[in-house]
Amino acid sequence: MDVEPEALHITPARLSALSDGVIAIAATLLILDLKAPAAGQPVWRTLGHQWPALDTYAVTFLVIGIAWIHHHNLFHQVRQVDRTLLLLNIGMLATISFLPLPTATLGSHLRGIGATSAAVLYALSMTASALWFTLFWNHLCRHPELLHPGAREQARAARRKSLLGPAGYALAALLALVSPMGSLALCAALVAYFVIGRRAPPTRTRVGGRPGTPVRATEAGEQERVTTS
């Protein structure tokens, strides 16, 4: 029995499942660089000595969490995955899985020799992780047939908004040359904006239309807007 070519395509759901696993592992690895206070050591004082590692952990964990939310929202708009989109996703996962290294490096060097280099590495890694979403949206704008019909008109606006992340983190990399601490603070400010300065993520998790409009699955496995009177 011959297999239809369409059946060989990687679906958005399968791609998202792989991405969820890699992102979850990357987020979990961040905690390995932090050390629990040993028996007999003062808890708060010992943890206080680790504040650079704790700060970088918190910022990076939120960055990975935001990346997961944006990835979910983006692929909620995708109806078909092509080869380029698949390769872009692999590149994004490689960058996300790399983040524990610059996070641990900055956490251990922020107060000593090598702080500038560590902060530059950290900010550039953040820039790369954010840039993939601009590349995602740019490809989808050039190939709107990959999107659900209701999402095509939103792709250009999403591409434009996605530039804020890589531009902000690139600025943090330049700031690191002068002030490593200021660079980390700018990264934290960007994360705070992405968490509380935009509309809540659930209102953007939709296929076109207005927030909260229900969707249903068609027999072809795609999502279709349910019209209500």
N, C-alpha and C. Protein backbone atom coordinates (compact mmCIF):
# COMPACT_ATOMS: atom_id res chain seq x y z
N MET A 1 0.84 -1.19 0.00
CA MET A 1 0.00 0.00 0.00
C MET A 1 0.87 1.25 0.00
N ASP A 2 0.67 2.13 -0.98
CA ASP A 2 1.46 3.35 -1.08
C ASP A 2 1.03 4.35 -0.03
N VAL A 3 2.00 5.13 0.45
CA VAL A 3 1.72 6.16 1.43
C VAL A 3 1.63 7.49 0.71
N GLU A 4 0.56 8.22 0.97
CA GLU A 4 0.40 9.54 0.38
C GLU A 4 1.52 10.46 0.86
N PRO A 5 2.06 11.32 -0.05
CA PRO A 5 3.14 12.22 0.36
C PRO A 5 2.76 13.09 1.54
N GLU A 6 1.49 13.52 1.62
CA GLU A 6 1.06 14.37 2.72
C GLU A 6 1.22 13.69 4.07
N ALA A 7 1.13 12.34 4.07
CA ALA A 7 1.23 11.62 5.33
C ALA A 7 2.65 11.61 5.88
N LEU A 8 3.63 11.95 5.01
CA LEU A 8 5.02 11.95 5.43
C LEU A 8 5.44 13.29 6.02
N HIS A 9 4.59 14.31 5.90
CA HIS A 9 4.93 15.62 6.41
C HIS A 9 4.94 15.61 7.94
N ILE A 10 5.86 16.37 8.52
CA ILE A 10 5.87 16.58 9.96
C ILE A 10 4.80 17.61 10.28
N THR A 11 3.90 17.26 11.16
CA THR A 11 2.80 18.15 11.49
C THR A 11 3.24 19.18 12.52
N PRO A 12 2.55 20.33 12.59
CA PRO A 12 2.87 21.31 13.63
C PRO A 12 2.78 20.72 15.03
N ALA A 13 1.85 19.78 15.26
CA ALA A 13 1.70 19.18 16.58
C ALA A 13 2.93 18.35 16.95
N ARG A 14 3.46 17.59 15.97
CA ARG A 14 4.64 16.77 16.25
C ARG A 14 5.86 17.66 16.48
N LEU A 15 6.00 18.71 15.70
CA LEU A 15 7.11 19.63 15.88
C LEU A 15 7.04 20.30 17.24
N SER A 16 5.85 20.68 17.66
CA SER A 16 5.68 21.32 18.96
C SER A 16 5.99 20.36 20.10
N ALA A 17 5.66 19.07 19.92
CA ALA A 17 5.93 18.09 20.97
C ALA A 17 7.44 17.94 21.19
N LEU A 18 8.22 17.87 20.10
CA LEU A 18 9.67 17.80 20.23
C LEU A 18 10.20 19.08 20.89
N SER A 19 9.69 20.21 20.46
CA SER A 19 10.15 21.49 21.00
C SER A 19 9.86 21.60 22.48
N ASP A 20 8.69 21.17 22.91
CA ASP A 20 8.34 21.22 24.33
C ASP A 20 9.34 20.44 25.17
N GLY A 21 9.75 19.26 24.67
CA GLY A 21 10.68 18.44 25.42
C GLY A 21 12.05 19.08 25.55
N VAL A 22 12.57 19.62 24.44
CA VAL A 22 13.90 20.25 24.46
C VAL A 22 13.88 21.49 25.34
N ILE A 23 12.85 22.31 25.22
CA ILE A 23 12.75 23.53 26.02
C ILE A 23 12.66 23.19 27.51
N ALA A 24 11.89 22.16 27.85
CA ALA A 24 11.75 21.76 29.25
C ALA A 24 13.09 21.31 29.83
N ILE A 25 13.86 20.56 29.05
CA ILE A 25 15.17 20.10 29.52
C ILE A 25 16.10 21.28 29.72
N ALA A 26 16.11 22.23 28.76
CA ALA A 26 16.98 23.40 28.88
C ALA A 26 16.65 24.20 30.13
N ALA A 27 15.36 24.37 30.41
CA ALA A 27 14.96 25.11 31.60
C ALA A 27 15.38 24.39 32.87
N THR A 28 15.30 23.07 32.87
CA THR A 28 15.67 22.28 34.05
C THR A 28 17.17 22.33 34.31
N LEU A 29 17.98 22.33 33.25
CA LEU A 29 19.44 22.33 33.42
C LEU A 29 19.95 23.60 34.09
N LEU A 30 19.17 24.68 34.03
CA LEU A 30 19.62 25.95 34.61
C LEU A 30 19.89 25.84 36.11
N ILE A 31 19.14 25.01 36.80
CA ILE A 31 19.23 24.94 38.26
C ILE A 31 20.48 24.20 38.71
N LEU A 32 21.13 23.45 37.82
CA LEU A 32 22.25 22.61 38.23
C LEU A 32 23.46 23.42 38.68
N ASP A 33 23.55 24.68 38.26
CA ASP A 33 24.70 25.49 38.65
C ASP A 33 24.55 26.10 40.04
N LEU A 34 23.36 26.02 40.61
CA LEU A 34 23.13 26.57 41.95
C LEU A 34 23.41 25.50 42.99
N LYS A 35 24.03 25.91 44.10
CA LYS A 35 24.41 24.98 45.15
C LYS A 35 23.58 25.22 46.40
N ALA A 36 23.04 24.14 46.95
CA ALA A 36 22.28 24.26 48.20
C ALA A 36 23.25 24.49 49.35
N PRO A 37 22.85 25.29 50.35
CA PRO A 37 23.72 25.50 51.53
C PRO A 37 24.01 24.17 52.22
N ALA A 38 25.28 23.96 52.55
CA ALA A 38 25.67 22.72 53.22
C ALA A 38 25.22 22.75 54.68
N ALA A 39 25.16 21.57 55.28
CA ALA A 39 24.77 21.48 56.69
C ALA A 39 25.73 22.30 57.54
N GLY A 40 25.18 23.11 58.42
CA GLY A 40 25.99 23.94 59.28
C GLY A 40 26.25 25.33 58.75
N GLN A 41 25.96 25.57 57.46
CA GLN A 41 26.13 26.89 56.89
C GLN A 41 24.88 27.73 57.09
N PRO A 42 25.00 29.04 57.29
CA PRO A 42 23.82 29.90 57.38
C PRO A 42 23.11 29.95 56.02
N VAL A 43 21.82 29.64 56.02
CA VAL A 43 21.10 29.48 54.76
C VAL A 43 21.07 30.76 53.95
N TRP A 44 20.55 31.85 54.54
CA TRP A 44 20.35 33.08 53.77
C TRP A 44 21.67 33.71 53.35
N ARG A 45 22.67 33.66 54.23
CA ARG A 45 23.96 34.24 53.88
C ARG A 45 24.62 33.47 52.74
N THR A 46 24.51 32.15 52.81
CA THR A 46 25.10 31.32 51.76
C THR A 46 24.41 31.56 50.42
N LEU A 47 23.09 31.63 50.45
CA LEU A 47 22.36 31.91 49.22
C LEU A 47 22.65 33.32 48.71
N GLY A 48 22.83 34.26 49.65
CA GLY A 48 23.14 35.62 49.26
C GLY A 48 24.44 35.73 48.50
N HIS A 49 25.41 34.88 48.84
CA HIS A 49 26.68 34.88 48.12
C HIS A 49 26.51 34.40 46.68
N GLN A 50 25.40 33.73 46.41
CA GLN A 50 25.15 33.21 45.07
C GLN A 50 24.22 34.10 44.26
N TRP A 51 24.02 35.35 44.70
CA TRP A 51 23.01 36.16 44.03
C TRP A 51 23.25 36.36 42.53
N PRO A 52 24.50 36.45 42.02
CA PRO A 52 24.64 36.54 40.56
C PRO A 52 24.08 35.32 39.84
N ALA A 53 24.37 34.13 40.39
CA ALA A 53 23.86 32.91 39.78
C ALA A 53 22.34 32.84 39.90
N LEU A 54 21.81 33.28 41.04
CA LEU A 54 20.35 33.27 41.22
C LEU A 54 19.68 34.25 40.26
N ASP A 55 20.27 35.43 40.09
CA ASP A 55 19.69 36.42 39.18
C ASP A 55 19.70 35.94 37.74
N THR A 56 20.84 35.42 37.30
CA THR A 56 20.91 34.95 35.92
C THR A 56 20.00 33.75 35.70
N TYR A 57 19.87 32.90 36.71
CA TYR A 57 18.94 31.78 36.62
C TYR A 57 17.51 32.28 36.41
N ALA A 58 17.10 33.25 37.22
CA ALA A 58 15.73 33.76 37.13
C ALA A 58 15.46 34.39 35.78
N VAL A 59 16.40 35.21 35.30
CA VAL A 59 16.21 35.89 34.01
C VAL A 59 16.13 34.87 32.88
N THR A 60 17.08 33.92 32.87
CA THR A 60 17.11 32.95 31.78
C THR A 60 15.90 32.02 31.81
N PHE A 61 15.49 31.62 33.02
CA PHE A 61 14.31 30.75 33.10
C PHE A 61 13.09 31.44 32.52
N LEU A 62 12.93 32.73 32.82
CA LEU A 62 11.80 33.47 32.26
C LEU A 62 11.93 33.64 30.75
N VAL A 63 13.17 33.85 30.27
CA VAL A 63 13.37 33.96 28.82
C VAL A 63 12.96 32.66 28.12
N ILE A 64 13.36 31.53 28.69
CA ILE A 64 12.98 30.24 28.10
C ILE A 64 11.48 30.04 28.17
N GLY A 65 10.89 30.44 29.30
CA GLY A 65 9.43 30.33 29.42
C GLY A 65 8.71 31.19 28.40
N ILE A 66 9.20 32.41 28.19
CA ILE A 66 8.59 33.30 27.19
C ILE A 66 8.76 32.72 25.79
N ALA A 67 9.94 32.17 25.53
CA ALA A 67 10.18 31.55 24.22
C ALA A 67 9.19 30.41 23.99
N TRP A 68 8.93 29.63 25.04
CA TRP A 68 7.96 28.53 24.91
C TRP A 68 6.56 29.07 24.60
N ILE A 69 6.17 30.14 25.28
CA ILE A 69 4.85 30.73 25.04
C ILE A 69 4.75 31.26 23.62
N HIS A 70 5.78 31.99 23.18
CA HIS A 70 5.75 32.53 21.82
C HIS A 70 5.77 31.41 20.78
N HIS A 71 6.54 30.37 21.06
CA HIS A 71 6.59 29.22 20.14
C HIS A 71 5.21 28.58 20.03
N HIS A 72 4.55 28.41 21.17
CA HIS A 72 3.21 27.83 21.17
C HIS A 72 2.24 28.71 20.39
N ASN A 73 2.27 30.01 20.65
CA ASN A 73 1.37 30.93 19.95
C ASN A 73 1.64 30.95 18.45
N LEU A 74 2.92 30.91 18.08
CA LEU A 74 3.26 30.96 16.66
C LEU A 74 2.76 29.72 15.93
N PHE A 75 3.07 28.54 16.48
CA PHE A 75 2.68 27.33 15.77
C PHE A 75 1.20 27.02 15.90
N HIS A 76 0.51 27.74 16.76
CA HIS A 76 -0.95 27.65 16.77
C HIS A 76 -1.52 28.27 15.50
N GLN A 77 -0.75 29.14 14.85
CA GLN A 77 -1.19 29.79 13.61
C GLN A 77 -0.79 29.00 12.36
N VAL A 78 0.07 27.99 12.53
CA VAL A 78 0.64 27.26 11.39
C VAL A 78 -0.22 26.05 11.06
N ARG A 79 -0.53 25.88 9.80
CA ARG A 79 -1.32 24.72 9.37
C ARG A 79 -0.46 23.65 8.70
N GLN A 80 0.73 24.03 8.24
CA GLN A 80 1.60 23.08 7.55
C GLN A 80 3.06 23.49 7.76
N VAL A 81 3.93 22.51 7.98
CA VAL A 81 5.35 22.75 8.21
C VAL A 81 6.12 22.35 6.96
N ASP A 82 6.95 23.29 6.45
CA ASP A 82 7.81 22.93 5.33
C ASP A 82 9.25 22.70 5.82
N ARG A 83 10.16 22.39 4.91
CA ARG A 83 11.53 22.05 5.29
C ARG A 83 12.23 23.23 5.97
N THR A 84 12.03 24.43 5.42
CA THR A 84 12.69 25.60 6.00
C THR A 84 12.20 25.87 7.41
N LEU A 85 10.91 25.77 7.63
CA LEU A 85 10.35 26.00 8.96
C LEU A 85 10.88 24.96 9.95
N LEU A 86 11.03 23.73 9.47
CA LEU A 86 11.57 22.67 10.32
C LEU A 86 13.02 22.97 10.71
N LEU A 87 13.83 23.42 9.75
CA LEU A 87 15.23 23.74 10.04
C LEU A 87 15.35 24.96 10.95
N LEU A 88 14.49 25.94 10.75
CA LEU A 88 14.49 27.10 11.64
C LEU A 88 14.17 26.68 13.07
N ASN A 89 13.24 25.74 13.21
CA ASN A 89 12.88 25.28 14.54
C ASN A 89 14.05 24.53 15.20
N ILE A 90 14.76 23.74 14.42
CA ILE A 90 15.93 23.03 14.96
C ILE A 90 16.98 24.04 15.42
N GLY A 91 17.18 25.09 14.62
CA GLY A 91 18.13 26.12 15.02
C GLY A 91 17.72 26.81 16.30
N MET A 92 16.43 27.09 16.46
CA MET A 92 15.95 27.72 17.68
C MET A 92 16.18 26.81 18.89
N LEU A 93 15.90 25.52 18.73
CA LEU A 93 16.09 24.58 19.83
C LEU A 93 17.57 24.46 20.20
N ALA A 94 18.46 24.51 19.21
CA ALA A 94 19.89 24.46 19.50
C ALA A 94 20.31 25.67 20.32
N THR A 95 19.75 26.82 20.00
CA THR A 95 20.09 28.04 20.73
C THR A 95 19.53 28.01 22.15
N ILE A 96 18.29 27.56 22.29
CA ILE A 96 17.68 27.48 23.61
C ILE A 96 18.43 26.49 24.50
N SER A 97 18.82 25.36 23.94
CA SER A 97 19.54 24.35 24.74
C SER A 97 20.94 24.81 25.11
N PHE A 98 21.47 25.83 24.40
CA PHE A 98 22.79 26.37 24.70
C PHE A 98 22.75 27.35 25.87
N LEU A 99 21.59 27.92 26.18
CA LEU A 99 21.49 28.99 27.17
C LEU A 99 22.02 28.63 28.57
N PRO A 100 21.91 27.39 29.05
CA PRO A 100 22.49 27.10 30.37
C PRO A 100 23.98 27.42 30.47
N LEU A 101 24.73 27.29 29.37
CA LEU A 101 26.17 27.57 29.43
C LEU A 101 26.46 29.05 29.68
N PRO A 102 25.95 30.00 28.86
CA PRO A 102 26.21 31.41 29.18
C PRO A 102 25.59 31.85 30.49
N THR A 103 24.51 31.21 30.89
CA THR A 103 23.90 31.55 32.18
C THR A 103 24.84 31.19 33.33
N ALA A 104 25.39 29.98 33.30
CA ALA A 104 26.34 29.56 34.35
C ALA A 104 27.61 30.39 34.30
N THR A 105 28.05 30.75 33.09
CA THR A 105 29.27 31.54 32.95
C THR A 105 29.10 32.92 33.56
N LEU A 106 27.98 33.58 33.26
CA LEU A 106 27.74 34.91 33.81
C LEU A 106 27.54 34.84 35.32
N GLY A 107 26.85 33.82 35.80
CA GLY A 107 26.61 33.69 37.22
C GLY A 107 27.88 33.54 38.03
N SER A 108 28.90 32.91 37.44
CA SER A 108 30.15 32.68 38.16
C SER A 108 31.20 33.77 37.93
N HIS A 109 30.99 34.65 36.94
CA HIS A 109 31.99 35.67 36.62
C HIS A 109 31.50 37.10 36.82
N LEU A 110 30.24 37.28 37.17
CA LEU A 110 29.69 38.63 37.20
C LEU A 110 30.41 39.54 38.17
N ARG A 111 30.92 38.99 39.26
CA ARG A 111 31.58 39.82 40.28
C ARG A 111 33.10 39.75 40.22
N GLY A 112 33.65 39.17 39.16
CA GLY A 112 35.10 39.01 39.13
C GLY A 112 35.69 39.21 37.75
N ILE A 113 36.85 38.63 37.54
CA ILE A 113 37.54 38.73 36.26
C ILE A 113 36.72 38.02 35.18
N GLY A 114 36.63 38.65 34.04
CA GLY A 114 35.88 38.05 32.94
C GLY A 114 34.42 38.44 32.91
N ALA A 115 34.02 39.40 33.77
CA ALA A 115 32.60 39.79 33.83
C ALA A 115 32.13 40.35 32.49
N THR A 116 32.96 41.18 31.85
CA THR A 116 32.56 41.78 30.57
C THR A 116 32.35 40.73 29.50
N SER A 117 33.31 39.82 29.36
CA SER A 117 33.18 38.76 28.35
C SER A 117 31.98 37.88 28.63
N ALA A 118 31.76 37.55 29.91
CA ALA A 118 30.62 36.69 30.27
C ALA A 118 29.30 37.39 29.96
N ALA A 119 29.23 38.69 30.24
CA ALA A 119 27.99 39.44 29.98
C ALA A 119 27.73 39.58 28.49
N VAL A 120 28.79 39.78 27.70
CA VAL A 120 28.63 39.86 26.25
C VAL A 120 28.13 38.53 25.71
N LEU A 121 28.75 37.42 26.15
CA LEU A 121 28.32 36.09 25.72
C LEU A 121 26.86 35.86 26.07
N TYR A 122 26.49 36.23 27.28
CA TYR A 122 25.11 36.03 27.73
C TYR A 122 24.13 36.82 26.88
N ALA A 123 24.41 38.11 26.67
CA ALA A 123 23.48 38.95 25.91
C ALA A 123 23.40 38.52 24.45
N LEU A 124 24.54 38.12 23.87
CA LEU A 124 24.51 37.65 22.48
C LEU A 124 23.71 36.35 22.36
N SER A 125 23.82 35.49 23.36
CA SER A 125 23.03 34.24 23.35
C SER A 125 21.54 34.55 23.42
N MET A 126 21.18 35.54 24.23
CA MET A 126 19.79 35.97 24.31
C MET A 126 19.33 36.55 22.97
N THR A 127 20.21 37.33 22.34
CA THR A 127 19.88 37.91 21.04
C THR A 127 19.58 36.82 20.03
N ALA A 128 20.43 35.80 20.00
CA ALA A 128 20.24 34.70 19.05
C ALA A 128 18.94 33.95 19.32
N SER A 129 18.64 33.72 20.60
CA SER A 129 17.42 32.97 20.92
C SER A 129 16.17 33.74 20.51
N ALA A 130 16.23 35.08 20.60
CA ALA A 130 15.07 35.89 20.22
C ALA A 130 14.96 36.07 18.71
N LEU A 131 16.12 36.08 18.03
CA LEU A 131 16.13 36.34 16.59
C LEU A 131 15.40 35.26 15.79
N TRP A 132 15.40 34.03 16.31
CA TRP A 132 14.74 32.95 15.56
C TRP A 132 13.27 33.25 15.30
N PHE A 133 12.62 33.95 16.22
CA PHE A 133 11.19 34.22 16.03
C PHE A 133 10.96 35.23 14.90
N THR A 134 11.90 36.16 14.73
CA THR A 134 11.82 37.06 13.58
C THR A 134 11.99 36.26 12.29
N LEU A 135 12.92 35.30 12.30
CA LEU A 135 13.12 34.45 11.12
C LEU A 135 11.89 33.59 10.86
N PHE A 136 11.27 33.07 11.92
CA PHE A 136 10.03 32.31 11.76
C PHE A 136 8.98 33.15 11.03
N TRP A 137 8.70 34.33 11.58
CA TRP A 137 7.64 35.17 11.02
C TRP A 137 8.00 35.67 9.62
N ASN A 138 9.28 35.92 9.37
CA ASN A 138 9.68 36.36 8.04
C ASN A 138 9.40 35.27 7.01
N HIS A 139 9.71 34.03 7.38
CA HIS A 139 9.45 32.92 6.45
C HIS A 139 7.94 32.74 6.25
N LEU A 140 7.18 32.87 7.31
CA LEU A 140 5.73 32.69 7.19
C LEU A 140 5.09 33.83 6.39
N CYS A 141 5.66 35.04 6.48
CA CYS A 141 5.15 36.15 5.66
C CYS A 141 5.41 35.88 4.18
N ARG A 142 6.54 35.25 3.88
CA ARG A 142 6.88 34.95 2.49
C ARG A 142 6.13 33.73 1.97
N HIS A 143 5.64 32.89 2.89
CA HIS A 143 4.89 31.69 2.51
C HIS A 143 3.59 31.63 3.31
N PRO A 144 2.66 32.51 3.03
CA PRO A 144 1.41 32.56 3.82
C PRO A 144 0.56 31.31 3.69
N GLU A 145 0.85 30.48 2.68
CA GLU A 145 0.09 29.24 2.53
C GLU A 145 0.34 28.28 3.69
N LEU A 146 1.41 28.50 4.46
CA LEU A 146 1.69 27.65 5.61
C LEU A 146 0.83 28.01 6.82
N LEU A 147 0.19 29.17 6.76
CA LEU A 147 -0.61 29.65 7.88
C LEU A 147 -2.08 29.35 7.69
N HIS A 148 -2.81 29.31 8.80
CA HIS A 148 -4.26 29.29 8.72
C HIS A 148 -4.71 30.59 8.08
N PRO A 149 -5.76 30.56 7.26
CA PRO A 149 -6.20 31.78 6.58
C PRO A 149 -6.42 32.96 7.51
N GLY A 150 -6.99 32.72 8.68
CA GLY A 150 -7.27 33.81 9.60
C GLY A 150 -6.05 34.44 10.21
N ALA A 151 -4.89 33.77 10.10
CA ALA A 151 -3.66 34.28 10.73
C ALA A 151 -2.77 35.03 9.75
N ARG A 152 -3.05 34.95 8.47
CA ARG A 152 -2.14 35.51 7.47
C ARG A 152 -2.02 37.02 7.57
N GLU A 153 -3.11 37.69 7.87
CA GLU A 153 -3.07 39.14 7.95
C GLU A 153 -2.32 39.63 9.19
N GLN A 154 -2.11 38.76 10.17
CA GLN A 154 -1.42 39.14 11.39
C GLN A 154 0.09 38.90 11.33
N ALA A 155 0.55 38.17 10.31
CA ALA A 155 1.95 37.75 10.26
C ALA A 155 2.91 38.93 10.14
N ARG A 156 2.56 39.92 9.32
CA ARG A 156 3.46 41.07 9.14
C ARG A 156 3.61 41.86 10.43
N ALA A 157 2.50 42.06 11.14
CA ALA A 157 2.58 42.77 12.42
C ALA A 157 3.39 41.97 13.43
N ALA A 158 3.22 40.65 13.43
CA ALA A 158 3.98 39.80 14.35
C ALA A 158 5.47 39.86 14.04
N ARG A 159 5.82 39.89 12.76
CA ARG A 159 7.24 39.99 12.38
C ARG A 159 7.84 41.30 12.86
N ARG A 160 7.09 42.38 12.72
CA ARG A 160 7.58 43.68 13.16
C ARG A 160 7.77 43.71 14.68
N LYS A 161 6.82 43.18 15.42
CA LYS A 161 6.91 43.18 16.88
C LYS A 161 8.02 42.27 17.38
N SER A 162 8.32 41.22 16.60
CA SER A 162 9.35 40.27 17.04
C SER A 162 10.75 40.87 17.03
N LEU A 163 10.92 42.02 16.39
CA LEU A 163 12.24 42.65 16.33
C LEU A 163 12.67 43.25 17.66
N LEU A 164 11.71 43.50 18.55
CA LEU A 164 12.04 44.13 19.82
C LEU A 164 13.01 43.28 20.64
N GLY A 165 12.78 41.98 20.69
CA GLY A 165 13.62 41.09 21.49
C GLY A 165 15.08 41.12 21.06
N PRO A 166 15.39 40.75 19.79
CA PRO A 166 16.80 40.75 19.38
C PRO A 166 17.44 42.13 19.42
N ALA A 167 16.67 43.19 19.13
CA ALA A 167 17.24 44.54 19.20
C ALA A 167 17.59 44.91 20.64
N GLY A 168 16.71 44.57 21.57
CA GLY A 168 16.95 44.90 22.97
C GLY A 168 18.13 44.14 23.55
N TYR A 169 18.21 42.84 23.23
CA TYR A 169 19.33 42.04 23.75
C TYR A 169 20.65 42.42 23.08
N ALA A 170 20.60 42.84 21.80
CA ALA A 170 21.82 43.33 21.15
C ALA A 170 22.31 44.60 21.84
N LEU A 171 21.38 45.45 22.24
CA LEU A 171 21.75 46.65 22.99
C LEU A 171 22.38 46.27 24.33
N ALA A 172 21.85 45.22 24.95
CA ALA A 172 22.42 44.74 26.21
C ALA A 172 23.84 44.23 26.01
N ALA A 173 24.12 43.62 24.84
CA ALA A 173 25.48 43.16 24.55
C ALA A 173 26.44 44.33 24.44
N LEU A 174 26.00 45.43 23.83
CA LEU A 174 26.84 46.63 23.74
C LEU A 174 27.04 47.25 25.12
N LEU A 175 25.97 47.27 25.92
CA LEU A 175 26.07 47.82 27.27
C LEU A 175 27.03 47.01 28.13
N ALA A 176 27.13 45.71 27.86
CA ALA A 176 28.01 44.83 28.64
C ALA A 176 29.46 45.25 28.54
N LEU A 177 29.83 45.91 27.43
CA LEU A 177 31.21 46.36 27.27
C LEU A 177 31.55 47.46 28.28
N VAL A 178 30.53 48.15 28.76
CA VAL A 178 30.73 49.23 29.73
C VAL A 178 30.35 48.80 31.13
N SER A 179 29.22 48.08 31.24
CA SER A 179 28.70 47.69 32.55
C SER A 179 28.05 46.32 32.47
N PRO A 180 28.76 45.26 32.86
CA PRO A 180 28.14 43.92 32.86
C PRO A 180 26.89 43.87 33.72
N MET A 181 26.91 44.55 34.87
CA MET A 181 25.73 44.56 35.74
C MET A 181 24.56 45.26 35.06
N GLY A 182 24.85 46.38 34.38
CA GLY A 182 23.80 47.08 33.66
C GLY A 182 23.23 46.26 32.53
N SER A 183 24.07 45.46 31.88
CA SER A 183 23.60 44.59 30.81
C SER A 183 22.61 43.56 31.33
N LEU A 184 22.95 42.95 32.47
CA LEU A 184 22.02 41.98 33.07
C LEU A 184 20.72 42.66 33.48
N ALA A 185 20.82 43.90 34.00
CA ALA A 185 19.62 44.64 34.40
C ALA A 185 18.75 44.94 33.19
N LEU A 186 19.36 45.28 32.05
CA LEU A 186 18.58 45.54 30.84
C LEU A 186 17.89 44.26 30.36
N CYS A 187 18.60 43.14 30.41
CA CYS A 187 17.98 41.86 30.04
C CYS A 187 16.78 41.57 30.94
N ALA A 188 16.94 41.84 32.24
CA ALA A 188 15.84 41.62 33.18
C ALA A 188 14.67 42.54 32.87
N ALA A 189 14.96 43.79 32.49
CA ALA A 189 13.90 44.74 32.16
C ALA A 189 13.14 44.29 30.92
N LEU A 190 13.85 43.77 29.93
CA LEU A 190 13.19 43.26 28.72
C LEU A 190 12.28 42.09 29.07
N VAL A 191 12.78 41.20 29.93
CA VAL A 191 11.97 40.05 30.34
C VAL A 191 10.72 40.53 31.07
N ALA A 192 10.88 41.51 31.95
CA ALA A 192 9.73 42.04 32.69
C ALA A 192 8.70 42.62 31.72
N TYR A 193 9.17 43.30 30.68
CA TYR A 193 8.23 43.85 29.70
C TYR A 193 7.48 42.75 28.97
N PHE A 194 8.20 41.71 28.57
CA PHE A 194 7.55 40.62 27.85
C PHE A 194 6.55 39.87 28.73
N VAL A 195 6.78 39.88 30.05
CA VAL A 195 5.89 39.17 30.96
C VAL A 195 4.66 40.00 31.30
N ILE A 196 4.86 41.29 31.62
CA ILE A 196 3.73 42.10 32.11
C ILE A 196 3.38 43.28 31.22
N GLY A 197 4.21 43.56 30.22
CA GLY A 197 3.97 44.75 29.41
C GLY A 197 3.16 44.53 28.16
N ARG A 198 2.78 43.29 27.90
CA ARG A 198 1.97 42.97 26.73
C ARG A 198 0.67 42.33 27.16
N ARG A 199 -0.18 42.08 26.15
CA ARG A 199 -1.42 41.37 26.45
C ARG A 199 -1.11 39.98 26.98
N ALA A 200 -1.99 39.46 27.82
CA ALA A 200 -1.77 38.13 28.38
C ALA A 200 -1.66 37.11 27.25
N PRO A 201 -0.71 36.15 27.36
CA PRO A 201 -0.52 35.16 26.29
C PRO A 201 -1.78 34.43 25.84
N PRO A 202 -2.70 34.03 26.76
CA PRO A 202 -3.87 33.29 26.29
C PRO A 202 -4.71 34.05 25.28
N THR A 203 -4.70 35.40 25.31
CA THR A 203 -5.51 36.14 24.37
C THR A 203 -4.92 36.12 22.98
N ARG A 204 -3.64 35.69 22.85
CA ARG A 204 -3.02 35.64 21.55
C ARG A 204 -2.99 34.21 21.01
N THR A 205 -3.40 33.26 21.80
CA THR A 205 -3.39 31.86 21.37
C THR A 205 -4.68 31.56 20.63
N ARG A 206 -4.70 31.95 19.37
CA ARG A 206 -5.90 31.77 18.57
C ARG A 206 -5.50 31.76 17.10
N VAL A 207 -6.38 31.31 16.25
CA VAL A 207 -6.13 31.31 14.82
C VAL A 207 -6.94 32.44 14.22
N GLY A 208 -6.35 33.65 14.20
CA GLY A 208 -7.06 34.80 13.64
C GLY A 208 -8.26 35.17 14.47
N GLY A 209 -9.06 36.09 13.98
CA GLY A 209 -10.29 36.48 14.64
C GLY A 209 -10.06 37.19 15.94
N ARG A 210 -11.12 37.32 16.76
CA ARG A 210 -11.04 38.03 18.02
C ARG A 210 -10.65 37.09 19.13
N PRO A 211 -10.01 37.61 20.20
CA PRO A 211 -9.67 36.75 21.33
C PRO A 211 -10.91 36.11 21.92
N GLY A 212 -10.77 34.84 22.27
CA GLY A 212 -11.87 34.16 22.93
C GLY A 212 -12.85 33.50 21.99
N THR A 213 -12.69 33.71 20.66
CA THR A 213 -13.58 33.08 19.72
C THR A 213 -13.28 31.60 19.67
N PRO A 214 -14.27 30.73 19.85
CA PRO A 214 -13.99 29.29 19.90
C PRO A 214 -13.54 28.75 18.56
N VAL A 215 -12.79 27.65 18.61
CA VAL A 215 -12.36 26.98 17.40
C VAL A 215 -12.75 25.52 17.50
N ARG A 216 -12.88 24.88 16.37
CA ARG A 216 -13.16 23.45 16.36
C ARG A 216 -12.29 22.80 15.30
N ALA A 217 -12.06 21.50 15.44
CA ALA A 217 -11.21 20.79 14.49
C ALA A 217 -12.06 20.28 13.34
N THR A 218 -11.56 20.41 12.11
CA THR A 218 -12.23 19.87 10.96
C THR A 218 -11.79 18.42 10.76
N GLU A 219 -12.42 17.74 9.79
CA GLU A 219 -12.06 16.35 9.54
C GLU A 219 -10.63 16.24 9.03
N ALA A 220 -10.12 17.31 8.41
CA ALA A 220 -8.76 17.29 7.88
C ALA A 220 -7.71 17.52 8.95
N GLY A 221 -8.18 17.75 10.20
CA GLY A 221 -7.25 17.93 11.29
C GLY A 221 -6.86 19.39 11.50
N GLU A 222 -7.42 20.34 10.74
CA GLU A 222 -7.10 21.73 10.90
C GLU A 222 -8.14 22.37 11.80
N GLN A 223 -7.80 23.55 12.34
CA GLN A 223 -8.72 24.26 13.19
C GLN A 223 -9.48 25.28 12.37
N GLU A 224 -10.74 25.39 12.66
CA GLU A 224 -11.62 26.26 11.90
C GLU A 224 -12.41 27.12 12.86
N ARG A 225 -12.57 28.39 12.50
CA ARG A 225 -13.31 29.31 13.35
C ARG A 225 -14.79 28.95 13.39
N VAL A 226 -15.38 28.91 14.57
CA VAL A 226 -16.78 28.64 14.72
C VAL A 226 -17.52 29.97 14.74
N THR A 227 -18.39 30.18 13.82
CA THR A 227 -19.14 31.43 13.77
C THR A 227 -20.34 31.34 14.68
N THR A 228 -20.59 32.41 15.40
CA THR A 228 -21.74 32.45 16.28
C THR A 228 -22.58 33.66 15.92
N SER A 229 -23.84 33.56 16.08
CA SER A 229 -24.74 34.66 15.77
C SER A 229 -24.88 35.58 16.96
